[in-house]
Amino acid sequence: SILISFLPEKIVNDNAAGFVFAAPTLLFAMHDYYRIIPNLPVRISEMVMGRLTPRDLAILVPIHFLASVAGVLILRALFPGVIASNALAPIVYSEERSWAYDFIRETLVTAGFTVSILVLPELLKVNSMSKTFFCPLFLLPLYLYSVDGGDMGSAFSPDLIYALRCVSRYEELPLRQSSHLFGPMLGGFLGGCIMATYFPDDSSRV
């Protein structure tokens, strides 16, 4: 968000989905340092896999939403005026498509995202390849599927969408916007089911 705040408004509006998709590099760095991936759909996947308890997730969900809102508020305070208005502009989705279309797309794309985020680093580690550099390249097909020709696409982060919409005060019909909130959450659950079935944790490992 800080990087986006220093870019011209046209660049921000035309490439918002791409900038948000660049988050895997930051997520991997945070995983290396803190040993967690601070992304809500990924945390939901980890709950389905048994890495987190439902009680843990019940605590983490409001924390993710509150942290996103706090981050946007802090950015607005630090970079007031035109700069902050660019950074806080929410991702624009296609309004002519149906709610069901957006919901299904968000679900499937986020499921693919969570599986990729959880599987690719381990595969690259086995092959002694840099996950910081190669993971975004391997995620490119998912990016091309999730972002259409008008640069409208998934953010893989329902709490970020909520923060940008609420703090920026962009008025949207709740039902219309809910596809971008609940779709990624369901996608995280679906991704967790895929992980638990095809890439389960090794229970014999200490």
N, C-alpha and C. Protein backbone atom coordinates (compact mmCIF):
# COMPACT_ATOMS: atom_id res chain seq x y z
N SER A 1 0.82 -1.20 0.00
CA SER A 1 0.00 0.00 0.00
C SER A 1 0.86 1.25 0.00
N ILE A 2 1.98 1.22 0.75
CA ILE A 2 2.85 2.39 0.79
C ILE A 2 3.46 2.64 -0.58
N LEU A 3 3.86 1.56 -1.28
CA LEU A 3 4.40 1.71 -2.63
C LEU A 3 3.37 2.32 -3.55
N ILE A 4 2.14 1.82 -3.49
CA ILE A 4 1.08 2.32 -4.36
C ILE A 4 0.80 3.79 -4.09
N SER A 5 0.99 4.23 -2.84
CA SER A 5 0.65 5.60 -2.48
C SER A 5 1.51 6.62 -3.21
N PHE A 6 2.69 6.21 -3.67
CA PHE A 6 3.58 7.16 -4.33
C PHE A 6 3.45 7.12 -5.86
N LEU A 7 2.55 6.29 -6.36
CA LEU A 7 2.38 6.18 -7.81
C LEU A 7 1.24 7.05 -8.29
N PRO A 8 1.29 7.49 -9.55
CA PRO A 8 0.19 8.30 -10.11
C PRO A 8 -1.13 7.55 -10.04
N GLU A 9 -2.21 8.30 -9.95
CA GLU A 9 -3.53 7.70 -9.77
C GLU A 9 -3.89 6.75 -10.90
N LYS A 10 -3.55 7.12 -12.14
CA LYS A 10 -3.91 6.27 -13.28
C LYS A 10 -3.23 4.90 -13.16
N ILE A 11 -1.97 4.90 -12.76
CA ILE A 11 -1.25 3.63 -12.61
C ILE A 11 -1.89 2.78 -11.53
N VAL A 12 -2.25 3.43 -10.43
CA VAL A 12 -2.87 2.71 -9.32
C VAL A 12 -4.19 2.09 -9.75
N ASN A 13 -5.03 2.88 -10.39
CA ASN A 13 -6.35 2.38 -10.78
C ASN A 13 -6.26 1.29 -11.84
N ASP A 14 -5.31 1.42 -12.78
CA ASP A 14 -5.22 0.46 -13.87
C ASP A 14 -4.55 -0.85 -13.46
N ASN A 15 -3.75 -0.82 -12.41
CA ASN A 15 -2.97 -1.99 -12.05
C ASN A 15 -3.15 -2.43 -10.61
N ALA A 16 -4.26 -2.03 -9.99
CA ALA A 16 -4.46 -2.34 -8.57
C ALA A 16 -4.44 -3.84 -8.31
N ALA A 17 -5.12 -4.59 -9.17
CA ALA A 17 -5.16 -6.04 -8.96
C ALA A 17 -3.77 -6.65 -9.04
N GLY A 18 -2.95 -6.16 -9.95
CA GLY A 18 -1.59 -6.67 -10.08
C GLY A 18 -0.74 -6.38 -8.87
N PHE A 19 -0.88 -5.18 -8.30
CA PHE A 19 -0.11 -4.84 -7.12
C PHE A 19 -0.50 -5.71 -5.93
N VAL A 20 -1.78 -5.97 -5.79
CA VAL A 20 -2.21 -6.82 -4.68
C VAL A 20 -1.73 -8.24 -4.90
N PHE A 21 -1.71 -8.70 -6.14
CA PHE A 21 -1.24 -10.05 -6.41
C PHE A 21 0.25 -10.19 -6.09
N ALA A 22 1.01 -9.09 -6.14
CA ALA A 22 2.43 -9.14 -5.82
C ALA A 22 2.68 -9.48 -4.36
N ALA A 23 1.62 -9.58 -3.56
CA ALA A 23 1.74 -9.86 -2.13
C ALA A 23 2.45 -11.17 -1.80
N PRO A 24 2.44 -12.22 -2.66
CA PRO A 24 3.13 -13.45 -2.27
C PRO A 24 4.57 -13.25 -1.83
N THR A 25 5.31 -12.37 -2.51
CA THR A 25 6.69 -12.14 -2.12
C THR A 25 6.78 -11.65 -0.69
N LEU A 26 5.89 -10.72 -0.31
CA LEU A 26 5.87 -10.23 1.06
C LEU A 26 5.40 -11.32 2.02
N LEU A 27 4.42 -12.11 1.60
CA LEU A 27 3.92 -13.18 2.46
C LEU A 27 5.02 -14.21 2.74
N PHE A 28 5.82 -14.54 1.73
CA PHE A 28 6.90 -15.50 1.94
C PHE A 28 7.95 -14.94 2.89
N ALA A 29 8.26 -13.66 2.73
CA ALA A 29 9.25 -13.04 3.63
C ALA A 29 8.76 -13.05 5.07
N MET A 30 7.48 -12.76 5.27
CA MET A 30 6.92 -12.78 6.61
C MET A 30 6.87 -14.20 7.17
N HIS A 31 6.64 -15.18 6.30
CA HIS A 31 6.64 -16.57 6.74
C HIS A 31 8.03 -16.98 7.21
N ASP A 32 9.07 -16.55 6.49
CA ASP A 32 10.43 -16.88 6.89
C ASP A 32 10.79 -16.26 8.23
N TYR A 33 10.26 -15.07 8.49
CA TYR A 33 10.63 -14.35 9.72
C TYR A 33 9.74 -14.74 10.89
N TYR A 34 8.42 -14.79 10.65
CA TYR A 34 7.47 -15.04 11.75
C TYR A 34 6.93 -16.47 11.77
N ARG A 35 7.24 -17.26 10.73
CA ARG A 35 6.77 -18.64 10.62
C ARG A 35 5.26 -18.75 10.44
N ILE A 36 4.61 -17.71 9.96
CA ILE A 36 3.19 -17.76 9.64
C ILE A 36 2.97 -17.05 8.31
N ILE A 37 1.84 -17.33 7.67
CA ILE A 37 1.44 -16.62 6.45
C ILE A 37 0.21 -15.80 6.80
N PRO A 38 0.36 -14.50 6.99
CA PRO A 38 -0.75 -13.66 7.47
C PRO A 38 -1.76 -13.32 6.39
N ASN A 39 -2.42 -14.34 5.88
CA ASN A 39 -3.45 -14.17 4.86
C ASN A 39 -4.66 -14.96 5.31
N LEU A 40 -5.84 -14.33 5.37
CA LEU A 40 -7.01 -14.97 5.96
C LEU A 40 -7.42 -16.26 5.25
N PRO A 41 -7.53 -16.30 3.92
CA PRO A 41 -7.87 -17.58 3.28
C PRO A 41 -6.86 -18.69 3.58
N VAL A 42 -5.57 -18.33 3.66
CA VAL A 42 -4.56 -19.33 3.99
C VAL A 42 -4.76 -19.84 5.41
N ARG A 43 -5.10 -18.95 6.33
CA ARG A 43 -5.34 -19.37 7.71
C ARG A 43 -6.56 -20.29 7.80
N ILE A 44 -7.57 -20.01 6.98
CA ILE A 44 -8.74 -20.90 6.94
C ILE A 44 -8.33 -22.27 6.42
N SER A 45 -7.48 -22.29 5.39
CA SER A 45 -6.98 -23.56 4.86
C SER A 45 -6.23 -24.34 5.93
N GLU A 46 -5.42 -23.64 6.72
CA GLU A 46 -4.65 -24.30 7.77
C GLU A 46 -5.56 -24.86 8.85
N MET A 47 -6.68 -24.21 9.09
CA MET A 47 -7.64 -24.74 10.06
C MET A 47 -8.23 -26.06 9.56
N VAL A 48 -8.59 -26.10 8.26
CA VAL A 48 -9.14 -27.33 7.69
C VAL A 48 -8.10 -28.44 7.73
N MET A 49 -6.83 -28.09 7.55
CA MET A 49 -5.75 -29.08 7.57
C MET A 49 -5.43 -29.56 8.98
N GLY A 50 -5.94 -28.87 9.99
CA GLY A 50 -5.67 -29.27 11.36
C GLY A 50 -4.52 -28.54 12.01
N ARG A 51 -3.92 -27.58 11.31
CA ARG A 51 -2.83 -26.80 11.89
C ARG A 51 -3.35 -25.79 12.91
N LEU A 52 -4.58 -25.36 12.74
CA LEU A 52 -5.23 -24.44 13.67
C LEU A 52 -6.53 -25.06 14.14
N THR A 53 -6.95 -24.70 15.34
CA THR A 53 -8.25 -25.16 15.84
C THR A 53 -9.32 -24.15 15.42
N PRO A 54 -10.58 -24.56 15.37
CA PRO A 54 -11.65 -23.60 15.09
C PRO A 54 -11.64 -22.41 16.05
N ARG A 55 -11.26 -22.65 17.29
CA ARG A 55 -11.18 -21.56 18.26
C ARG A 55 -10.09 -20.56 17.87
N ASP A 56 -8.95 -21.08 17.41
CA ASP A 56 -7.87 -20.19 16.95
C ASP A 56 -8.37 -19.32 15.79
N LEU A 57 -9.07 -19.95 14.85
CA LEU A 57 -9.55 -19.21 13.68
C LEU A 57 -10.59 -18.17 14.08
N ALA A 58 -11.44 -18.49 15.06
CA ALA A 58 -12.45 -17.54 15.52
C ALA A 58 -11.79 -16.29 16.10
N ILE A 59 -10.61 -16.44 16.66
CA ILE A 59 -9.87 -15.29 17.18
C ILE A 59 -9.16 -14.54 16.05
N LEU A 60 -8.64 -15.29 15.08
CA LEU A 60 -7.84 -14.69 14.01
C LEU A 60 -8.68 -13.90 13.01
N VAL A 61 -9.91 -14.33 12.75
CA VAL A 61 -10.74 -13.64 11.74
C VAL A 61 -10.95 -12.17 12.09
N PRO A 62 -11.44 -11.83 13.30
CA PRO A 62 -11.59 -10.40 13.61
C PRO A 62 -10.26 -9.67 13.68
N ILE A 63 -9.20 -10.36 14.08
CA ILE A 63 -7.88 -9.73 14.12
C ILE A 63 -7.45 -9.31 12.72
N HIS A 64 -7.66 -10.17 11.73
CA HIS A 64 -7.30 -9.85 10.35
C HIS A 64 -8.07 -8.63 9.85
N PHE A 65 -9.37 -8.59 10.11
CA PHE A 65 -10.17 -7.47 9.65
C PHE A 65 -9.79 -6.18 10.37
N LEU A 66 -9.57 -6.25 11.67
CA LEU A 66 -9.20 -5.06 12.43
C LEU A 66 -7.82 -4.56 12.02
N ALA A 67 -6.88 -5.48 11.77
CA ALA A 67 -5.54 -5.08 11.36
C ALA A 67 -5.57 -4.39 10.00
N SER A 68 -6.38 -4.90 9.08
CA SER A 68 -6.48 -4.27 7.76
C SER A 68 -7.06 -2.86 7.85
N VAL A 69 -8.11 -2.72 8.66
CA VAL A 69 -8.72 -1.40 8.85
C VAL A 69 -7.72 -0.46 9.50
N ALA A 70 -7.00 -0.93 10.52
CA ALA A 70 -6.01 -0.09 11.20
C ALA A 70 -4.90 0.32 10.23
N GLY A 71 -4.47 -0.61 9.38
CA GLY A 71 -3.42 -0.29 8.42
C GLY A 71 -3.84 0.80 7.45
N VAL A 72 -5.07 0.72 6.96
CA VAL A 72 -5.56 1.74 6.03
C VAL A 72 -5.72 3.08 6.74
N LEU A 73 -6.19 3.06 7.98
CA LEU A 73 -6.33 4.30 8.74
C LEU A 73 -4.98 4.95 9.00
N ILE A 74 -3.98 4.14 9.33
CA ILE A 74 -2.64 4.68 9.57
C ILE A 74 -2.07 5.26 8.29
N LEU A 75 -2.28 4.56 7.17
CA LEU A 75 -1.79 5.07 5.89
C LEU A 75 -2.44 6.40 5.54
N ARG A 76 -3.73 6.50 5.82
CA ARG A 76 -4.43 7.75 5.56
C ARG A 76 -3.86 8.87 6.43
N ALA A 77 -3.52 8.57 7.69
CA ALA A 77 -2.98 9.58 8.59
C ALA A 77 -1.57 10.01 8.18
N LEU A 78 -0.77 9.06 7.71
CA LEU A 78 0.61 9.37 7.35
C LEU A 78 0.72 10.04 5.99
N PHE A 79 -0.17 9.68 5.08
CA PHE A 79 -0.12 10.23 3.72
C PHE A 79 -1.46 10.86 3.38
N PRO A 80 -1.75 12.02 3.94
CA PRO A 80 -3.05 12.65 3.71
C PRO A 80 -3.17 13.20 2.29
N GLY A 81 -4.39 13.58 1.96
CA GLY A 81 -4.63 14.25 0.69
C GLY A 81 -4.62 13.31 -0.49
N VAL A 82 -4.07 13.79 -1.60
CA VAL A 82 -4.12 13.07 -2.87
C VAL A 82 -3.37 11.75 -2.79
N ILE A 83 -2.21 11.75 -2.11
CA ILE A 83 -1.41 10.53 -2.04
C ILE A 83 -2.19 9.41 -1.38
N ALA A 84 -2.80 9.71 -0.24
CA ALA A 84 -3.57 8.69 0.47
C ALA A 84 -4.80 8.27 -0.32
N SER A 85 -5.41 9.20 -1.04
CA SER A 85 -6.60 8.84 -1.80
C SER A 85 -6.26 7.84 -2.89
N ASN A 86 -5.04 7.93 -3.46
CA ASN A 86 -4.61 6.94 -4.44
C ASN A 86 -4.42 5.58 -3.79
N ALA A 87 -3.72 5.56 -2.65
CA ALA A 87 -3.41 4.30 -1.98
C ALA A 87 -4.66 3.62 -1.46
N LEU A 88 -5.67 4.40 -1.09
CA LEU A 88 -6.86 3.84 -0.48
C LEU A 88 -7.95 3.52 -1.49
N ALA A 89 -7.71 3.82 -2.77
CA ALA A 89 -8.72 3.50 -3.77
C ALA A 89 -8.89 1.99 -3.85
N PRO A 90 -10.08 1.47 -3.66
CA PRO A 90 -10.27 0.02 -3.64
C PRO A 90 -10.15 -0.59 -5.03
N ILE A 91 -9.91 -1.88 -5.05
CA ILE A 91 -9.86 -2.60 -6.32
C ILE A 91 -11.24 -2.54 -6.96
N VAL A 92 -11.26 -2.26 -8.25
CA VAL A 92 -12.52 -2.12 -8.96
C VAL A 92 -12.87 -3.44 -9.64
N TYR A 93 -14.06 -3.92 -9.39
CA TYR A 93 -14.52 -5.15 -10.01
C TYR A 93 -15.56 -4.82 -11.08
N SER A 94 -15.72 -5.75 -12.00
CA SER A 94 -16.69 -5.57 -13.06
C SER A 94 -18.10 -5.56 -12.50
N GLU A 95 -18.83 -4.50 -12.76
CA GLU A 95 -20.19 -4.36 -12.21
C GLU A 95 -21.25 -5.00 -13.10
N GLU A 96 -20.91 -5.29 -14.36
CA GLU A 96 -21.93 -5.84 -15.24
C GLU A 96 -22.11 -7.35 -15.08
N ARG A 97 -21.19 -8.00 -14.38
CA ARG A 97 -21.30 -9.44 -14.17
C ARG A 97 -22.15 -9.73 -12.95
N SER A 98 -22.71 -10.92 -12.92
CA SER A 98 -23.63 -11.28 -11.84
C SER A 98 -22.88 -11.55 -10.55
N TRP A 99 -23.63 -11.50 -9.44
CA TRP A 99 -23.06 -11.81 -8.12
C TRP A 99 -22.54 -13.23 -8.10
N ALA A 100 -23.29 -14.16 -8.68
CA ALA A 100 -22.89 -15.57 -8.67
C ALA A 100 -21.58 -15.78 -9.42
N TYR A 101 -21.40 -15.07 -10.55
CA TYR A 101 -20.17 -15.20 -11.32
C TYR A 101 -18.98 -14.75 -10.49
N ASP A 102 -19.10 -13.57 -9.86
CA ASP A 102 -18.00 -13.07 -9.04
C ASP A 102 -17.72 -13.99 -7.86
N PHE A 103 -18.77 -14.51 -7.24
CA PHE A 103 -18.61 -15.38 -6.08
C PHE A 103 -17.88 -16.67 -6.45
N ILE A 104 -18.29 -17.28 -7.55
CA ILE A 104 -17.66 -18.53 -7.99
C ILE A 104 -16.21 -18.29 -8.38
N ARG A 105 -15.97 -17.19 -9.10
CA ARG A 105 -14.60 -16.89 -9.51
C ARG A 105 -13.71 -16.64 -8.30
N GLU A 106 -14.20 -15.86 -7.34
CA GLU A 106 -13.42 -15.60 -6.14
C GLU A 106 -13.12 -16.90 -5.39
N THR A 107 -14.10 -17.78 -5.31
CA THR A 107 -13.92 -19.05 -4.60
C THR A 107 -12.85 -19.91 -5.26
N LEU A 108 -12.96 -20.10 -6.57
CA LEU A 108 -12.03 -20.98 -7.28
C LEU A 108 -10.62 -20.39 -7.33
N VAL A 109 -10.53 -19.10 -7.61
CA VAL A 109 -9.22 -18.47 -7.72
C VAL A 109 -8.51 -18.47 -6.37
N THR A 110 -9.23 -18.17 -5.30
CA THR A 110 -8.61 -18.14 -3.98
C THR A 110 -8.22 -19.54 -3.52
N ALA A 111 -9.01 -20.55 -3.88
CA ALA A 111 -8.64 -21.93 -3.57
C ALA A 111 -7.31 -22.27 -4.24
N GLY A 112 -7.17 -21.90 -5.51
CA GLY A 112 -5.91 -22.13 -6.21
C GLY A 112 -4.77 -21.36 -5.59
N PHE A 113 -5.06 -20.15 -5.14
CA PHE A 113 -4.03 -19.32 -4.52
C PHE A 113 -3.53 -19.94 -3.22
N THR A 114 -4.45 -20.39 -2.36
CA THR A 114 -4.04 -20.95 -1.07
C THR A 114 -3.23 -22.24 -1.26
N VAL A 115 -3.67 -23.09 -2.18
CA VAL A 115 -2.93 -24.32 -2.44
C VAL A 115 -1.53 -24.00 -2.96
N SER A 116 -1.44 -23.03 -3.87
CA SER A 116 -0.14 -22.65 -4.43
C SER A 116 0.77 -22.08 -3.36
N ILE A 117 0.23 -21.22 -2.51
CA ILE A 117 1.04 -20.59 -1.47
C ILE A 117 1.58 -21.63 -0.49
N LEU A 118 0.78 -22.66 -0.21
CA LEU A 118 1.19 -23.66 0.77
C LEU A 118 2.07 -24.76 0.17
N VAL A 119 1.91 -25.05 -1.12
CA VAL A 119 2.63 -26.16 -1.74
C VAL A 119 3.93 -25.72 -2.40
N LEU A 120 3.89 -24.63 -3.19
CA LEU A 120 5.05 -24.24 -3.98
C LEU A 120 6.33 -24.02 -3.17
N PRO A 121 6.27 -23.31 -2.03
CA PRO A 121 7.51 -23.11 -1.27
C PRO A 121 8.19 -24.42 -0.87
N GLU A 122 7.39 -25.43 -0.51
CA GLU A 122 7.97 -26.72 -0.12
C GLU A 122 8.60 -27.42 -1.32
N LEU A 123 7.94 -27.35 -2.48
CA LEU A 123 8.50 -27.96 -3.68
C LEU A 123 9.81 -27.29 -4.09
N LEU A 124 9.84 -25.97 -4.01
CA LEU A 124 11.05 -25.24 -4.37
C LEU A 124 12.16 -25.50 -3.37
N LYS A 125 11.79 -25.65 -2.10
CA LYS A 125 12.79 -25.93 -1.06
C LYS A 125 13.47 -27.26 -1.32
N VAL A 126 12.69 -28.26 -1.71
CA VAL A 126 13.25 -29.59 -2.01
C VAL A 126 14.24 -29.50 -3.16
N ASN A 127 13.96 -28.62 -4.12
CA ASN A 127 14.82 -28.48 -5.29
C ASN A 127 15.84 -27.36 -5.15
N SER A 128 15.98 -26.82 -3.93
CA SER A 128 16.97 -25.77 -3.63
C SER A 128 16.81 -24.57 -4.55
N MET A 129 15.58 -24.15 -4.75
CA MET A 129 15.29 -22.98 -5.58
C MET A 129 14.72 -21.87 -4.71
N SER A 130 15.00 -20.63 -5.10
CA SER A 130 14.55 -19.48 -4.33
C SER A 130 13.04 -19.29 -4.47
N LYS A 131 12.33 -19.42 -3.36
CA LYS A 131 10.88 -19.27 -3.43
C LYS A 131 10.49 -17.80 -3.61
N THR A 132 11.31 -16.88 -3.10
CA THR A 132 11.00 -15.46 -3.25
C THR A 132 10.97 -15.06 -4.72
N PHE A 133 11.86 -15.65 -5.52
CA PHE A 133 11.93 -15.29 -6.94
C PHE A 133 11.02 -16.16 -7.80
N PHE A 134 11.02 -17.47 -7.56
CA PHE A 134 10.33 -18.38 -8.47
C PHE A 134 8.84 -18.53 -8.19
N CYS A 135 8.41 -18.40 -6.93
CA CYS A 135 6.99 -18.59 -6.63
C CYS A 135 6.09 -17.63 -7.40
N PRO A 136 6.42 -16.31 -7.42
CA PRO A 136 5.56 -15.41 -8.22
C PRO A 136 5.50 -15.80 -9.69
N LEU A 137 6.60 -16.38 -10.23
CA LEU A 137 6.59 -16.81 -11.63
C LEU A 137 5.64 -17.99 -11.82
N PHE A 138 5.67 -18.94 -10.90
CA PHE A 138 4.79 -20.10 -11.01
C PHE A 138 3.33 -19.71 -10.77
N LEU A 139 3.11 -18.62 -10.03
CA LEU A 139 1.75 -18.17 -9.77
C LEU A 139 1.20 -17.33 -10.91
N LEU A 140 2.04 -17.05 -11.92
CA LEU A 140 1.60 -16.20 -13.04
C LEU A 140 0.37 -16.76 -13.76
N PRO A 141 0.29 -18.08 -14.04
CA PRO A 141 -0.94 -18.58 -14.69
C PRO A 141 -2.20 -18.30 -13.88
N LEU A 142 -2.10 -18.41 -12.56
CA LEU A 142 -3.24 -18.10 -11.70
C LEU A 142 -3.59 -16.63 -11.80
N TYR A 143 -2.57 -15.79 -11.87
CA TYR A 143 -2.80 -14.35 -12.02
C TYR A 143 -3.51 -14.05 -13.34
N LEU A 144 -3.06 -14.69 -14.42
CA LEU A 144 -3.66 -14.45 -15.73
C LEU A 144 -5.11 -14.90 -15.76
N TYR A 145 -5.44 -15.92 -14.98
CA TYR A 145 -6.83 -16.39 -14.93
C TYR A 145 -7.69 -15.49 -14.06
N SER A 146 -7.10 -14.98 -12.99
CA SER A 146 -7.90 -14.24 -12.01
C SER A 146 -8.10 -12.77 -12.39
N VAL A 147 -7.26 -12.23 -13.26
CA VAL A 147 -7.36 -10.83 -13.66
C VAL A 147 -7.74 -10.76 -15.13
N ASP A 148 -8.83 -10.04 -15.42
CA ASP A 148 -9.29 -9.98 -16.81
C ASP A 148 -8.60 -8.85 -17.57
N GLY A 149 -9.01 -8.65 -18.81
CA GLY A 149 -8.37 -7.66 -19.65
C GLY A 149 -8.50 -6.24 -19.16
N GLY A 150 -9.48 -5.98 -18.31
CA GLY A 150 -9.65 -4.65 -17.75
C GLY A 150 -8.95 -4.45 -16.43
N ASP A 151 -8.00 -5.35 -16.10
CA ASP A 151 -7.27 -5.30 -14.83
C ASP A 151 -8.19 -5.39 -13.64
N MET A 152 -9.28 -6.13 -13.78
CA MET A 152 -10.17 -6.38 -12.65
C MET A 152 -9.96 -7.81 -12.20
N GLY A 153 -9.71 -8.02 -10.93
CA GLY A 153 -9.42 -9.37 -10.49
C GLY A 153 -9.52 -9.57 -9.00
N SER A 154 -9.08 -10.73 -8.55
CA SER A 154 -9.18 -11.11 -7.15
C SER A 154 -8.04 -10.50 -6.35
N ALA A 155 -8.33 -10.20 -5.10
CA ALA A 155 -7.31 -9.69 -4.19
C ALA A 155 -6.80 -10.77 -3.27
N PHE A 156 -7.48 -11.92 -3.21
CA PHE A 156 -7.11 -13.03 -2.33
C PHE A 156 -7.12 -12.61 -0.86
N SER A 157 -7.80 -11.54 -0.54
CA SER A 157 -7.76 -11.02 0.83
C SER A 157 -9.06 -10.30 1.14
N PRO A 158 -10.06 -11.00 1.69
CA PRO A 158 -11.35 -10.36 1.97
C PRO A 158 -11.25 -9.24 3.00
N ASP A 159 -10.32 -9.36 3.94
CA ASP A 159 -10.17 -8.31 4.95
C ASP A 159 -9.62 -7.03 4.34
N LEU A 160 -8.74 -7.17 3.33
CA LEU A 160 -8.22 -5.98 2.65
C LEU A 160 -9.33 -5.28 1.87
N ILE A 161 -10.14 -6.06 1.16
CA ILE A 161 -11.26 -5.48 0.42
C ILE A 161 -12.20 -4.76 1.37
N TYR A 162 -12.49 -5.39 2.49
CA TYR A 162 -13.38 -4.78 3.49
C TYR A 162 -12.80 -3.46 3.99
N ALA A 163 -11.51 -3.45 4.29
CA ALA A 163 -10.88 -2.24 4.81
C ALA A 163 -10.90 -1.12 3.79
N LEU A 164 -10.57 -1.44 2.55
CA LEU A 164 -10.54 -0.41 1.51
C LEU A 164 -11.93 0.13 1.24
N ARG A 165 -12.93 -0.74 1.24
CA ARG A 165 -14.29 -0.28 0.97
C ARG A 165 -14.84 0.54 2.13
N CYS A 166 -14.60 0.08 3.34
CA CYS A 166 -15.19 0.77 4.50
C CYS A 166 -14.46 2.06 4.82
N VAL A 167 -13.14 1.99 4.94
CA VAL A 167 -12.38 3.17 5.32
C VAL A 167 -12.42 4.22 4.22
N SER A 168 -12.38 3.76 2.97
CA SER A 168 -12.45 4.71 1.86
C SER A 168 -13.86 5.22 1.62
N ARG A 169 -14.85 4.59 2.30
CA ARG A 169 -16.25 5.01 2.23
C ARG A 169 -16.81 4.93 0.82
N TYR A 170 -16.46 3.88 0.13
CA TYR A 170 -17.08 3.63 -1.17
C TYR A 170 -18.39 2.89 -0.92
N GLU A 171 -19.48 3.51 -1.24
CA GLU A 171 -20.78 2.92 -0.94
C GLU A 171 -21.11 1.84 -1.98
N GLU A 172 -21.34 0.66 -1.50
CA GLU A 172 -21.71 -0.46 -2.37
C GLU A 172 -22.89 -1.19 -1.73
N LEU A 173 -23.71 -1.82 -2.56
CA LEU A 173 -24.77 -2.65 -2.03
C LEU A 173 -24.14 -3.84 -1.31
N PRO A 174 -24.53 -4.12 -0.07
CA PRO A 174 -23.90 -5.22 0.67
C PRO A 174 -23.92 -6.54 -0.07
N LEU A 175 -25.03 -6.88 -0.72
CA LEU A 175 -25.11 -8.14 -1.43
C LEU A 175 -24.13 -8.17 -2.59
N ARG A 176 -24.01 -7.06 -3.29
CA ARG A 176 -23.11 -7.00 -4.43
C ARG A 176 -21.66 -7.19 -3.99
N GLN A 177 -21.29 -6.56 -2.90
CA GLN A 177 -19.91 -6.61 -2.45
C GLN A 177 -19.58 -7.90 -1.70
N SER A 178 -20.59 -8.58 -1.21
CA SER A 178 -20.34 -9.76 -0.37
C SER A 178 -19.67 -10.89 -1.14
N SER A 179 -19.80 -10.91 -2.46
CA SER A 179 -19.15 -11.97 -3.23
C SER A 179 -17.64 -11.91 -3.09
N HIS A 180 -17.10 -10.69 -2.90
CA HIS A 180 -15.66 -10.51 -2.77
C HIS A 180 -15.19 -10.68 -1.33
N LEU A 181 -16.12 -10.82 -0.40
CA LEU A 181 -15.78 -11.08 0.99
C LEU A 181 -15.91 -12.57 1.32
N PHE A 182 -17.05 -13.15 0.96
CA PHE A 182 -17.31 -14.55 1.31
C PHE A 182 -16.72 -15.53 0.30
N GLY A 183 -16.55 -15.10 -0.95
CA GLY A 183 -15.94 -15.97 -1.95
C GLY A 183 -14.53 -16.41 -1.56
N PRO A 184 -13.64 -15.47 -1.20
CA PRO A 184 -12.29 -15.87 -0.78
C PRO A 184 -12.28 -16.74 0.47
N MET A 185 -13.23 -16.49 1.39
CA MET A 185 -13.28 -17.33 2.60
C MET A 185 -13.65 -18.77 2.24
N LEU A 186 -14.65 -18.92 1.37
CA LEU A 186 -15.01 -20.26 0.93
C LEU A 186 -13.87 -20.88 0.13
N GLY A 187 -13.17 -20.04 -0.63
CA GLY A 187 -12.01 -20.52 -1.38
C GLY A 187 -10.92 -21.04 -0.46
N GLY A 188 -10.72 -20.35 0.67
CA GLY A 188 -9.75 -20.84 1.65
C GLY A 188 -10.15 -22.19 2.21
N PHE A 189 -11.45 -22.36 2.47
CA PHE A 189 -11.94 -23.64 2.98
C PHE A 189 -11.75 -24.74 1.94
N LEU A 190 -12.09 -24.43 0.68
CA LEU A 190 -11.92 -25.40 -0.40
C LEU A 190 -10.45 -25.75 -0.59
N GLY A 191 -9.59 -24.72 -0.52
CA GLY A 191 -8.16 -24.97 -0.63
C GLY A 191 -7.65 -25.87 0.49
N GLY A 192 -8.20 -25.68 1.70
CA GLY A 192 -7.81 -26.53 2.81
C GLY A 192 -8.23 -27.97 2.60
N CYS A 193 -9.41 -28.17 2.02
CA CYS A 193 -9.88 -29.53 1.71
C CYS A 193 -8.96 -30.20 0.69
N ILE A 194 -8.53 -29.43 -0.32
CA ILE A 194 -7.60 -29.96 -1.32
C ILE A 194 -6.27 -30.32 -0.68
N MET A 195 -5.77 -29.44 0.19
CA MET A 195 -4.50 -29.69 0.87
C MET A 195 -4.60 -30.92 1.76
N ALA A 196 -5.68 -31.02 2.53
CA ALA A 196 -5.84 -32.15 3.46
C ALA A 196 -5.96 -33.48 2.71
N THR A 197 -6.50 -33.43 1.49
CA THR A 197 -6.71 -34.66 0.72
C THR A 197 -5.47 -35.07 -0.07
N TYR A 198 -4.85 -34.10 -0.75
CA TYR A 198 -3.75 -34.42 -1.66
C TYR A 198 -2.37 -34.05 -1.13
N PHE A 199 -2.29 -33.12 -0.19
CA PHE A 199 -1.00 -32.71 0.37
C PHE A 199 -1.07 -32.66 1.90
N PRO A 200 -1.44 -33.76 2.54
CA PRO A 200 -1.59 -33.73 4.00
C PRO A 200 -0.25 -33.56 4.70
N ASP A 201 -0.29 -33.01 5.90
CA ASP A 201 0.92 -32.89 6.71
C ASP A 201 1.39 -34.28 7.12
N ASP A 202 2.70 -34.42 7.22
CA ASP A 202 3.29 -35.69 7.64
C ASP A 202 3.17 -35.79 9.16
N SER A 203 2.27 -36.65 9.63
CA SER A 203 2.03 -36.77 11.07
C SER A 203 3.20 -37.40 11.81
N SER A 204 4.09 -38.06 11.07
CA SER A 204 5.23 -38.69 11.72
C SER A 204 6.37 -37.71 11.97
N ARG A 205 6.24 -36.51 11.37
CA ARG A 205 7.30 -35.53 11.50
C ARG A 205 7.13 -34.77 12.81
N VAL A 206 8.21 -34.60 13.53
CA VAL A 206 8.16 -33.91 14.83
C VAL A 206 8.03 -32.42 14.60
